[in-house]
Amino acid sequence: MGNVDSILYIMTNPAIILFIVGILAAIGKSNLQFPDGLSMGLNMYLLLAIGIKGGIGIAGVPFTDMSSALVGALVIGLVLPVFGFLLARLFRFSFTDSVSLAAVFGSVSLVTYAAATAQLTQMGVFFEPYMTGLVVLLEIPGLVVALLIYQSVKSPVFGIVPSEGAGVGNVMMESLMSKSILLLLAGLVAGFAAPDPAVLEPFFIDLFPGVLLLFLLGLGLKVGNQLHVLKEYGWRLIAVGVLFPLIGGMVGYLAASIAGLTPGGTVLFMTLAASGSYIAAPAMLQASVPEAKSSFYLTVALAVTFPFNLIIGIPLFMSLVL
């Protein structure tokens, strides 16, 4: 995929077009609205559909074929939050803000993953059918590592003394019981156990691209409404939100190469490693790091990293690998 193809991808990709339309609608104060109930329903559908598709794929794959990829995903989940924390400290963000970025960047964005899989499918590029299982695996370790960083500082070394929050065990349980993980796991089990997967395909697979477009339109509206917060934090916030996906993408590429993934699987590994969570991580931070500012970490994840990955990151990864 060359430079011209990347530009054409950006200009003609329906997902990017609708996402940008949503942003412009919010900036221009359009009366276009996206009801919260509809957004939640579409989100639940996407999570279940991703899980079911992954479960159907895993059903026909021996464990030995995906063991190296599972190890690679676990390593990524442990390493990325540390990188996120160190990058935030390098840009002189506070300890609490740095921990929140460790959680956001240590976890993954399922919508970014969905956008990448939809594009690969549209292009006819094969990728490993068990990738959704890696998504579930990548959600939890990053949150646990971020909390361990937070709890490790019990004296004012960085000028702050963290308050007591929920423990590691609670975070793991909260993560497993969170909407995103629960629906993904439910979908994985349902897809894996389905005696006739063809029955599930018309609703959960054939309709997936259209539902994703609607969801991205609503997400564009949400991002457009968050852009004003960028002025409060300035260029440092934008720099971190852009630099981390590039670092994460390189880490994902190395892990995928070692695991021996196909080009399509490598693109997805890079995409997952480059993404930032705006569902699971905020839920954990609200419960376990209550002093973390939601306006800060949600703005990084939604208004900087997600648009960067959707418009630049995924096409860049494809041009490097495919």
Foldseek 3Di string as FASTA:
>chain_A
DAPVVLVVCLVPPLLNVLLQVLLVCQLVVHPDDDDPVLLVVLVLLLLLLLLLQLLLLVLPDDPVLCVLVLVLLLVLLQPQLVVQLVLCVVLPDANLQSLLSLLFLSAFASLLLLLLVVVCVVVVHDFRSNVLVSNLVSHQSSLLNSLCSLVVDCDCPRPDHADFFDHSVVLNVCLCPFSNNVSSNVSNVCNNPPPDNVVVCVRSPVCSVVSSSVSSSNLSNVLSVLVVCCVVVDPSLQCSLQVQLVVQLVSQLVSCVVSVTALSNSLSSSSGSSATDPGSSVVSCVRGVVVHDNSRSNNSRRNHNVSCCSNPVSSVSNNVRD
